[in-house]
């Protein structure tokens, strides 16, 4: 009896062990087929909103093959340089309304790191409305003035690219000559030159707008019309008038009988 009980207990232990092993295998299979940490199965479609997409994909750190955001370090140098640029007031003027035959006006731009906005506005010597703005600056900057070439002739009177000092203001000046009556928009473009990867690279800081008015009187309008359309006037008016005069000049007088001399009439 004792031997039979031992043999029966050994069989029960084998059966229990086999059941336990099968249960572990089944749990392992189920665990590997279930989604973990928000990662979808390989055959699961990715769709829906951005939030749902992020939930399905997971974080970039978990899946660098899907979201290679580690490449963002390529822009770190640019962001670091731009964040380090200091700010300073910048002021420029737009000339008051000027006559079409008036002398050229001036547009003056100043950047003054050590000046207050009010001081910088007062330092503008050219007449007209003055705008003042706070801008990012660098030790090398470029300023440009653009306008309608049909109505304005803009000539730079200073270098476009200049070094910027912390102690003295940097000054840009342009000459603006009116060519045609009207309202014209002008644009001041300010750039900073920054060093990225060992190379000086321009960075657009901002673009500022202004308006220049060019006036004209009635007599000036007639005069400028004649100047601008003299070829048409010559063809339409002067050439026909000249031909008519030339024809009259060469017209022969009618034949007249020769005069035999004075006639003397005696009284009766």
C-alpha atoms as a PDB file:
ATOM      1  CA  UNK A   1       0.000   0.000   0.000  1.00  0.00           C
ATOM      2  CA  UNK A   2       2.806   2.334   0.802  1.00  0.00           C
ATOM      3  CA  UNK A   3       4.423   1.825  -2.625  1.00  0.00           C
ATOM      4  CA  UNK A   4       1.106   2.479  -4.380  1.00  0.00           C
ATOM      5  CA  UNK A   5       0.645   5.808  -2.531  1.00  0.00           C
ATOM      6  CA  UNK A   6       4.145   6.955  -3.500  1.00  0.00           C
ATOM      7  CA  UNK A   7       3.564   6.098  -7.129  1.00  0.00           C
ATOM      8  CA  UNK A   8       0.185   7.953  -7.092  1.00  0.00           C
ATOM      9  CA  UNK A   9       1.759  11.086  -5.522  1.00  0.00           C
ATOM     10  CA  UNK A  10       4.543  11.160  -8.130  1.00  0.00           C
ATOM     11  CA  UNK A  11       1.996  11.047 -10.970  1.00  0.00           C
ATOM     12  CA  UNK A  12      -0.013  13.869  -9.424  1.00  0.00           C
ATOM     13  CA  UNK A  13       3.131  16.023  -9.105  1.00  0.00           C
ATOM     14  CA  UNK A  14       3.999  15.446 -12.776  1.00  0.00           C
ATOM     15  CA  UNK A  15       0.493  16.381 -13.871  1.00  0.00           C
ATOM     16  CA  UNK A  16       0.480  19.566 -11.722  1.00  0.00           C
ATOM     17  CA  UNK A  17       3.895  20.574 -13.077  1.00  0.00           C
ATOM     18  CA  UNK A  18       2.772  20.057 -16.667  1.00  0.00           C
ATOM     19  CA  UNK A  19      -0.339  22.153 -16.095  1.00  0.00           C
ATOM     20  CA  UNK A  20       1.746  24.932 -14.532  1.00  0.00           C
ATOM     21  CA  UNK A  21       4.191  24.939 -17.460  1.00  0.00           C
ATOM     22  CA  UNK A  22       1.363  25.115 -20.000  1.00  0.00           C
ATOM     23  CA  UNK A  23      -0.229  27.978 -18.058  1.00  0.00           C
ATOM     24  CA  UNK A  24       3.034  29.932 -18.052  1.00  0.00           C
ATOM     25  CA  UNK A  25       3.465  29.409 -21.780  1.00  0.00           C
ATOM     26  CA  UNK A  26      -0.088  30.578 -22.430  1.00  0.00           C
ATOM     27  CA  UNK A  27       0.419  33.715 -20.312  1.00  0.00           C
ATOM     28  CA  UNK A  28       3.671  34.469 -22.103  1.00  0.00           C
ATOM     29  CA  UNK A  29       1.971  34.260 -25.505  1.00  0.00           C
ATOM     30  CA  UNK A  30      -0.874  36.502 -24.405  1.00  0.00           C
ATOM     31  CA  UNK A  31       1.542  39.009 -22.878  1.00  0.00           C
ATOM     32  CA  UNK A  32       3.656  39.281 -26.052  1.00  0.00           C
ATOM     33  CA  UNK A  33       0.561  39.875 -28.228  1.00  0.00           C
ATOM     34  CA  UNK A  34      -0.872  42.630 -26.010  1.00  0.00           C
ATOM     35  CA  UNK A  35       0.199  46.357 -26.584  1.00  0.00           C
ATOM     36  CA  UNK A  36       2.747  47.694 -24.097  1.00  0.00           C
ATOM     37  CA  UNK A  37       3.625  51.283 -23.134  1.00  0.00           C
ATOM     38  CA  UNK A  38       1.312  52.670 -25.786  1.00  0.00           C
ATOM     39  CA  UNK A  39       3.136  50.893 -28.652  1.00  0.00           C
ATOM     40  CA  UNK A  40       0.721  49.493 -31.249  1.00  0.00           C
ATOM     41  CA  UNK A  41       1.220  46.087 -32.888  1.00  0.00           C
ATOM     42  CA  UNK A  42       3.163  46.092 -36.126  1.00  0.00           C
ATOM     43  CA  UNK A  43       0.010  45.584 -38.192  1.00  0.00           C
ATOM     44  CA  UNK A  44      -2.072  48.189 -36.347  1.00  0.00           C
ATOM     45  CA  UNK A  45      -2.975  51.203 -38.584  1.00  0.00           C
ATOM     46  CA  UNK A  46      -1.921  54.718 -37.455  1.00  0.00           C
ATOM     47  CA  UNK A  47      -4.642  57.298 -38.006  1.00  0.00           C
ATOM     48  CA  UNK A  48      -6.678  60.021 -36.366  1.00  0.00           C
ATOM     49  CA  UNK A  49      -5.705  63.276 -34.712  1.00  0.00           C
ATOM     50  CA  UNK A  50      -2.229  64.324 -33.647  1.00  0.00           C
ATOM     51  CA  UNK A  51      -2.970  63.468 -30.026  1.00  0.00           C
ATOM     52  CA  UNK A  52      -4.152  59.995 -30.963  1.00  0.00           C
ATOM     53  CA  UNK A  53      -1.136  59.594 -33.210  1.00  0.00           C
ATOM     54  CA  UNK A  54       1.201  60.504 -30.351  1.00  0.00           C
ATOM     55  CA  UNK A  55      -0.607  58.028 -28.093  1.00  0.00           C
ATOM     56  CA  UNK A  56      -0.215  55.254 -30.649  1.00  0.00           C
ATOM     57  CA  UNK A  57       3.403  55.980 -31.482  1.00  0.00           C
ATOM     58  CA  UNK A  58       4.688  56.849 -28.034  1.00  0.00           C
ATOM     59  CA  UNK A  59       7.468  59.226 -26.998  1.00  0.00           C
ATOM     60  CA  UNK A  60      10.422  60.045 -29.301  1.00  0.00           C
ATOM     61  CA  UNK A  61      12.862  58.672 -26.737  1.00  0.00           C
ATOM     62  CA  UNK A  62      11.142  55.262 -26.897  1.00  0.00           C
ATOM     63  CA  UNK A  63      11.029  55.171 -30.698  1.00  0.00           C
ATOM     64  CA  UNK A  64      13.892  57.154 -32.314  1.00  0.00           C
ATOM     65  CA  UNK A  65      13.324  55.255 -35.552  1.00  0.00           C
ATOM     66  CA  UNK A  66       9.810  56.766 -35.830  1.00  0.00           C
ATOM     67  CA  UNK A  67      10.420  60.266 -34.433  1.00  0.00           C
ATOM     68  CA  UNK A  68      14.017  61.350 -35.004  1.00  0.00           C
ATOM     69  CA  UNK A  69      13.663  64.473 -32.932  1.00  0.00           C
ATOM     70  CA  UNK A  70      17.203  64.108 -31.745  1.00  0.00           C
ATOM     71  CA  UNK A  71      18.137  65.889 -34.995  1.00  0.00           C
ATOM     72  CA  UNK A  72      16.826  69.086 -33.438  1.00  0.00           C
ATOM     73  CA  UNK A  73      20.293  69.606 -32.018  1.00  0.00           C
ATOM     74  CA  UNK A  74      21.227  70.873 -35.494  1.00  0.00           C
ATOM     75  CA  UNK A  75      19.333  74.088 -34.690  1.00  0.00           C
ATOM     76  CA  UNK A  76      20.663  74.431 -31.163  1.00  0.00           C
ATOM     77  CA  UNK A  77      23.586  76.636 -32.266  1.00  0.00           C
ATOM     78  CA  UNK A  78      21.259  78.983 -34.179  1.00  0.00           C
ATOM     79  CA  UNK A  79      18.790  79.238 -31.312  1.00  0.00           C
ATOM     80  CA  UNK A  80      21.598  79.867 -28.847  1.00  0.00           C
ATOM     81  CA  UNK A  81      23.093  82.682 -30.950  1.00  0.00           C
ATOM     82  CA  UNK A  82      19.743  84.383 -31.574  1.00  0.00           C
ATOM     83  CA  UNK A  83      18.743  84.149 -27.919  1.00  0.00           C
ATOM     84  CA  UNK A  84      22.011  85.833 -26.944  1.00  0.00           C
ATOM     85  CA  UNK A  85      21.457  88.879 -29.188  1.00  0.00           C
ATOM     86  CA  UNK A  86      20.889  91.977 -27.028  1.00  0.00           C
ATOM     87  CA  UNK A  87      18.140  94.517 -27.651  1.00  0.00           C
ATOM     88  CA  UNK A  88      18.464  98.255 -28.257  1.00  0.00           C
ATOM     89  CA  UNK A  89      16.278 101.115 -29.537  1.00  0.00           C
ATOM     90  CA  UNK A  90      16.235 101.871 -33.258  1.00  0.00           C
ATOM     91  CA  UNK A  91      14.752 105.048 -34.767  1.00  0.00           C
ATOM     92  CA  UNK A  92      14.274 106.378 -38.302  1.00  0.00           C
ATOM     93  CA  UNK A  93      12.362 109.219 -39.964  1.00  0.00           C
ATOM     94  CA  UNK A  94      10.121 109.476 -43.005  1.00  0.00           C
ATOM     95  CA  UNK A  95      10.283 112.873 -44.766  1.00  0.00           C
ATOM     96  CA  UNK A  96       7.278 115.213 -44.685  1.00  0.00           C
ATOM     97  CA  UNK A  97       5.276 115.793 -47.905  1.00  0.00           C
ATOM     98  CA  UNK A  98       7.598 117.231 -50.553  1.00  0.00           C
ATOM     99  CA  UNK A  99       6.981 118.927 -53.876  1.00  0.00           C
ATOM    100  CA  UNK A 100       7.881 117.080 -57.036  1.00  0.00           C
ATOM    101  CA  UNK A 101      10.479 119.741 -57.934  1.00  0.00           C
ATOM    102  CA  UNK A 102      11.907 119.986 -54.412  1.00  0.00           C
ATOM    103  CA  UNK A 103      15.441 118.964 -53.514  1.00  0.00           C
ATOM    104  CA  UNK A 104      16.087 115.427 -52.312  1.00  0.00           C
ATOM    105  CA  UNK A 105      15.048 114.646 -48.736  1.00  0.00           C
ATOM    106  CA  UNK A 106      16.927 112.429 -46.273  1.00  0.00           C
ATOM    107  CA  UNK A 107      15.959 109.323 -44.356  1.00  0.00           C
ATOM    108  CA  UNK A 108      18.118 108.752 -41.289  1.00  0.00           C
ATOM    109  CA  UNK A 109      18.266 105.568 -39.201  1.00  0.00           C
ATOM    110  CA  UNK A 110      20.074 105.262 -35.865  1.00  0.00           C
ATOM    111  CA  UNK A 111      20.766 102.365 -33.502  1.00  0.00           C
ATOM    112  CA  UNK A 112      21.866 103.446 -30.031  1.00  0.00           C
ATOM    113  CA  UNK A 113      22.506 100.770 -27.387  1.00  0.00           C
ATOM    114  CA  UNK A 114      23.375 103.373 -24.731  1.00  0.00           C
ATOM    115  CA  UNK A 115      20.523 105.774 -25.560  1.00  0.00           C
ATOM    116  CA  UNK A 116      16.938 105.792 -24.386  1.00  0.00           C
ATOM    117  CA  UNK A 117      14.186 105.789 -27.021  1.00  0.00           C
ATOM    118  CA  UNK A 118      13.455 109.475 -26.333  1.00  0.00           C
ATOM    119  CA  UNK A 119      17.135 110.422 -26.663  1.00  0.00           C
ATOM    120  CA  UNK A 120      17.435 108.467 -29.890  1.00  0.00           C
ATOM    121  CA  UNK A 121      14.382 110.190 -31.390  1.00  0.00           C
ATOM    122  CA  UNK A 122      15.849 113.615 -30.558  1.00  0.00           C
ATOM    123  CA  UNK A 123      19.143 112.679 -32.189  1.00  0.00           C
ATOM    124  CA  UNK A 124      17.507 112.231 -35.614  1.00  0.00           C
ATOM    125  CA  UNK A 125      18.513 115.345 -37.569  1.00  0.00           C
ATOM    126  CA  UNK A 126      16.433 114.792 -40.725  1.00  0.00           C
ATOM    127  CA  UNK A 127      12.903 116.284 -40.677  1.00  0.00           C
ATOM    128  CA  UNK A 128       9.729 114.244 -40.699  1.00  0.00           C
ATOM    129  CA  UNK A 129       7.864 111.710 -38.579  1.00  0.00           C
ATOM    130  CA  UNK A 130      10.155 109.538 -36.448  1.00  0.00           C
ATOM    131  CA  UNK A 131       9.452 105.928 -35.549  1.00  0.00           C
ATOM    132  CA  UNK A 132      11.248 104.168 -32.692  1.00  0.00           C
ATOM    133  CA  UNK A 133      11.343 100.414 -32.087  1.00  0.00           C
ATOM    134  CA  UNK A 134      13.213  97.995 -29.844  1.00  0.00           C
ATOM    135  CA  UNK A 135      15.161  95.505 -31.963  1.00  0.00           C
ATOM    136  CA  UNK A 136      17.757  92.799 -31.551  1.00  0.00           C
ATOM    137  CA  UNK A 137      21.232  93.937 -32.540  1.00  0.00           C
ATOM    138  CA  UNK A 138      24.578  92.359 -33.346  1.00  0.00           C
ATOM    139  CA  UNK A 139      28.088  93.735 -33.720  1.00  0.00           C
ATOM    140  CA  UNK A 140      27.584  93.769 -37.511  1.00  0.00           C
ATOM    141  CA  UNK A 141      24.313  94.973 -39.006  1.00  0.00           C
ATOM    142  CA  UNK A 142      22.891  95.917 -42.391  1.00  0.00           C
ATOM    143  CA  UNK A 143      20.114  98.435 -43.100  1.00  0.00           C
ATOM    144  CA  UNK A 144      18.366  98.922 -46.449  1.00  0.00           C
ATOM    145  CA  UNK A 145      15.655 101.306 -47.689  1.00  0.00           C
ATOM    146  CA  UNK A 146      13.282 100.282 -50.486  1.00  0.00           C
ATOM    147  CA  UNK A 147      10.543 102.170 -52.329  1.00  0.00           C
ATOM    148  CA  UNK A 148       8.676 102.466 -55.628  1.00  0.00           C
ATOM    149  CA  UNK A 149      11.340 103.294 -58.252  1.00  0.00           C
ATOM    150  CA  UNK A 150       8.734 104.973 -60.478  1.00  0.00           C
ATOM    151  CA  UNK A 151       7.937 107.580 -57.848  1.00  0.00           C
ATOM    152  CA  UNK A 152      11.134 107.819 -55.780  1.00  0.00           C
ATOM    153  CA  UNK A 153      14.862 107.663 -56.452  1.00  0.00           C
ATOM    154  CA  UNK A 154      16.594 106.266 -53.353  1.00  0.00           C
ATOM    155  CA  UNK A 155      20.374 106.651 -53.055  1.00  0.00           C
ATOM    156  CA  UNK A 156      22.361 105.334 -50.050  1.00  0.00           C
ATOM    157  CA  UNK A 157      24.692 107.905 -48.496  1.00  0.00           C
ATOM    158  CA  UNK A 158      26.310 105.472 -46.045  1.00  0.00           C
ATOM    159  CA  UNK A 159      27.558 101.880 -46.132  1.00  0.00           C
ATOM    160  CA  UNK A 160      24.772  99.325 -45.960  1.00  0.00           C
ATOM    161  CA  UNK A 161      26.751  97.000 -43.628  1.00  0.00           C
ATOM    162  CA  UNK A 162      28.309  98.594 -40.569  1.00  0.00           C
ATOM    163  CA  UNK A 163      29.880  97.710 -37.248  1.00  0.00           C
ATOM    164  CA  UNK A 164      27.665  98.434 -34.263  1.00  0.00           C
ATOM    165  CA  UNK A 165      29.207  99.998 -31.172  1.00  0.00           C
ATOM    166  CA  UNK A 166      27.854  99.838 -27.636  1.00  0.00           C
ATOM    167  CA  UNK A 167      29.031 103.357 -26.814  1.00  0.00           C
ATOM    168  CA  UNK A 168      28.179 105.400 -29.927  1.00  0.00           C
ATOM    169  CA  UNK A 169      25.112 105.194 -32.181  1.00  0.00           C
ATOM    170  CA  UNK A 170      25.375 103.639 -35.625  1.00  0.00           C
ATOM    171  CA  UNK A 171      23.908 105.789 -38.412  1.00  0.00           C
ATOM    172  CA  UNK A 172      22.526 104.997 -41.865  1.00  0.00           C
ATOM    173  CA  UNK A 173      21.411 107.761 -44.285  1.00  0.00           C
ATOM    174  CA  UNK A 174      19.614 107.685 -47.656  1.00  0.00           C
ATOM    175  CA  UNK A 175      18.735 110.407 -50.167  1.00  0.00           C
ATOM    176  CA  UNK A 176      15.164 110.329 -51.510  1.00  0.00           C
ATOM    177  CA  UNK A 177      14.375 112.326 -54.684  1.00  0.00           C
ATOM    178  CA  UNK A 178      10.748 112.621 -55.842  1.00  0.00           C
ATOM    179  CA  UNK A 179      10.018 111.655 -59.441  1.00  0.00           C
ATOM    180  CA  UNK A 180       6.235 111.423 -59.649  1.00  0.00           C
ATOM    181  CA  UNK A 181       3.324 112.732 -57.590  1.00  0.00           C
ATOM    182  CA  UNK A 182       1.560 110.288 -55.288  1.00  0.00           C
ATOM    183  CA  UNK A 183       1.684 108.371 -52.003  1.00  0.00           C
ATOM    184  CA  UNK A 184       4.564 105.902 -51.795  1.00  0.00           C
ATOM    185  CA  UNK A 185       5.302 103.188 -49.250  1.00  0.00           C
ATOM    186  CA  UNK A 186       8.914 102.783 -48.155  1.00  0.00           C
ATOM    187  CA  UNK A 187      10.365  99.820 -46.292  1.00  0.00           C
ATOM    188  CA  UNK A 188      13.299  99.789 -43.887  1.00  0.00           C
ATOM    189  CA  UNK A 189      14.907  96.352 -43.694  1.00  0.00           C
ATOM    190  CA  UNK A 190      17.215  95.608 -40.761  1.00  0.00           C
ATOM    191  CA  UNK A 191      19.535  92.592 -40.715  1.00  0.00           C
ATOM    192  CA  UNK A 192      22.040  91.239 -38.199  1.00  0.00           C
ATOM    193  CA  UNK A 193      25.101  89.270 -39.225  1.00  0.00           C
ATOM    194  CA  UNK A 194      25.691  86.324 -36.896  1.00  0.00           C
ATOM    195  CA  UNK A 195      28.346  83.612 -36.945  1.00  0.00           C
ATOM    196  CA  UNK A 196      26.928  80.109 -37.409  1.00  0.00           C
ATOM    197  CA  UNK A 197      29.264  77.128 -37.888  1.00  0.00           C
ATOM    198  CA  UNK A 198      32.146  79.549 -38.330  1.00  0.00           C
ATOM    199  CA  UNK A 199      30.471  81.535 -41.122  1.00  0.00           C
ATOM    200  CA  UNK A 200      28.936  85.031 -41.036  1.00  0.00           C
ATOM    201  CA  UNK A 201      25.277  84.620 -41.935  1.00  0.00           C
ATOM    202  CA  UNK A 202      22.615  87.355 -42.317  1.00  0.00           C
ATOM    203  CA  UNK A 203      19.569  87.189 -40.090  1.00  0.00           C
ATOM    204  CA  UNK A 204      16.526  89.365 -40.874  1.00  0.00           C
ATOM    205  CA  UNK A 205      15.564  91.218 -37.701  1.00  0.00           C
ATOM    206  CA  UNK A 206      12.480  93.069 -38.937  1.00  0.00           C
ATOM    207  CA  UNK A 207      10.960  95.225 -41.691  1.00  0.00           C
ATOM    208  CA  UNK A 208       9.429  98.623 -40.888  1.00  0.00           C
ATOM    209  CA  UNK A 209       7.118 100.646 -43.148  1.00  0.00           C
ATOM    210  CA  UNK A 210       6.607 104.339 -43.759  1.00  0.00           C
ATOM    211  CA  UNK A 211       4.850 106.621 -46.267  1.00  0.00           C
ATOM    212  CA  UNK A 212       6.286 109.470 -48.360  1.00  0.00           C
ATOM    213  CA  UNK A 213       3.901 111.899 -50.109  1.00  0.00           C
ATOM    214  CA  UNK A 214       4.940 113.755 -53.281  1.00  0.00           C
ATOM    215  CA  UNK A 215       2.786 116.782 -54.224  1.00  0.00           C
ATOM    216  CA  UNK A 216       2.395 118.699 -57.497  1.00  0.00           C
ATOM    217  CA  UNK A 217       0.689 121.985 -58.535  1.00  0.00           C
ATOM    218  CA  UNK A 218      -1.464 122.640 -61.619  1.00  0.00           C
ATOM    219  CA  UNK A 219       1.207 124.483 -63.661  1.00  0.00           C
ATOM    220  CA  UNK A 220       3.774 121.853 -62.659  1.00  0.00           C
ATOM    221  CA  UNK A 221       1.445 119.126 -63.875  1.00  0.00           C
ATOM    222  CA  UNK A 222       1.247 120.766 -67.330  1.00  0.00           C
ATOM    223  CA  UNK A 223       5.003 121.289 -67.407  1.00  0.00           C
ATOM    224  CA  UNK A 224       5.771 117.713 -66.409  1.00  0.00           C
ATOM    225  CA  UNK A 225       3.221 116.408 -68.892  1.00  0.00           C
ATOM    226  CA  UNK A 226       5.003 118.267 -71.657  1.00  0.00           C
ATOM    227  CA  UNK A 227       8.394 116.953 -70.486  1.00  0.00           C
ATOM    228  CA  UNK A 228       7.185 113.393 -70.246  1.00  0.00           C
ATOM    229  CA  UNK A 229       5.281 113.455 -73.549  1.00  0.00           C
ATOM    230  CA  UNK A 230       7.350 115.756 -75.761  1.00  0.00           C
ATOM    231  CA  UNK A 231       7.710 113.096 -78.452  1.00  0.00           C
ATOM    232  CA  UNK A 232       3.945 112.691 -78.693  1.00  0.00           C
ATOM    233  CA  UNK A 233       3.458 116.469 -78.721  1.00  0.00           C
ATOM    234  CA  UNK A 234       6.090 116.837 -81.442  1.00  0.00           C
ATOM    235  CA  UNK A 235       4.367 114.265 -83.621  1.00  0.00           C
ATOM    236  CA  UNK A 236       0.784 115.362 -82.987  1.00  0.00           C
ATOM    237  CA  UNK A 237       1.125 119.161 -82.961  1.00  0.00           C
ATOM    238  CA  UNK A 238       4.466 120.597 -83.976  1.00  0.00           C
ATOM    239  CA  UNK A 239       5.104 118.518 -87.097  1.00  0.00           C
ATOM    240  CA  UNK A 240       1.695 119.292 -88.712  1.00  0.00           C
ATOM    241  CA  UNK A 241       2.012 122.973 -87.776  1.00  0.00           C
ATOM    242  CA  UNK A 242       5.507 123.135 -89.231  1.00  0.00           C
ATOM    243  CA  UNK A 243       4.346 121.523 -92.480  1.00  0.00           C
ATOM    244  CA  UNK A 244       1.507 124.000 -92.835  1.00  0.00           C
ATOM    245  CA  UNK A 245       3.878 126.939 -92.307  1.00  0.00           C
ATOM    246  CA  UNK A 246       6.374 125.571 -94.811  1.00  0.00           C
ATOM    247  CA  UNK A 247       3.686 125.161 -97.446  1.00  0.00           C
ATOM    248  CA  UNK A 248       2.524 128.757 -97.003  1.00  0.00           C
ATOM    249  CA  UNK A 249       6.103 129.981 -97.230  1.00  0.00           C
ATOM    250  CA  UNK A 250       6.723 128.300-100.566  1.00  0.00           C
ATOM    251  CA  UNK A 251       3.367 129.217-102.107  1.00  0.00           C
ATOM    252  CA  UNK A 252       3.975 131.372-105.315  1.00  0.00           C
ATOM    253  CA  UNK A 253       2.115 134.691-105.665  1.00  0.00           C
ATOM    254  CA  UNK A 254      -0.426 135.043-108.496  1.00  0.00           C
ATOM    255  CA  UNK A 255       0.833 136.427-111.848  1.00  0.00           C
ATOM    256  CA  UNK A 256       0.254 140.196-112.279  1.00  0.00           C
ATOM    257  CA  UNK A 257       0.526 142.400-115.356  1.00  0.00           C
ATOM    258  CA  UNK A 258       3.675 144.514-115.623  1.00  0.00           C
ATOM    259  CA  UNK A 259       3.260 148.117-114.588  1.00  0.00           C
ATOM    260  CA  UNK A 260       4.038 150.583-117.394  1.00  0.00           C
ATOM    261  CA  UNK A 261       4.758 153.360-114.974  1.00  0.00           C
ATOM    262  CA  UNK A 262       2.822 156.056-113.220  1.00  0.00           C
ATOM    263  CA  UNK A 263      -0.151 157.593-115.023  1.00  0.00           C
ATOM    264  CA  UNK A 264      -0.551 161.379-115.089  1.00  0.00           C
ATOM    265  CA  UNK A 265      -4.049 162.763-115.203  1.00  0.00           C
ATOM    266  CA  UNK A 266      -4.270 166.444-116.388  1.00  0.00           C
ATOM    267  CA  UNK A 267      -7.104 168.677-115.303  1.00  0.00           C
ATOM    268  CA  UNK A 268      -9.672 169.649-117.933  1.00  0.00           C
END
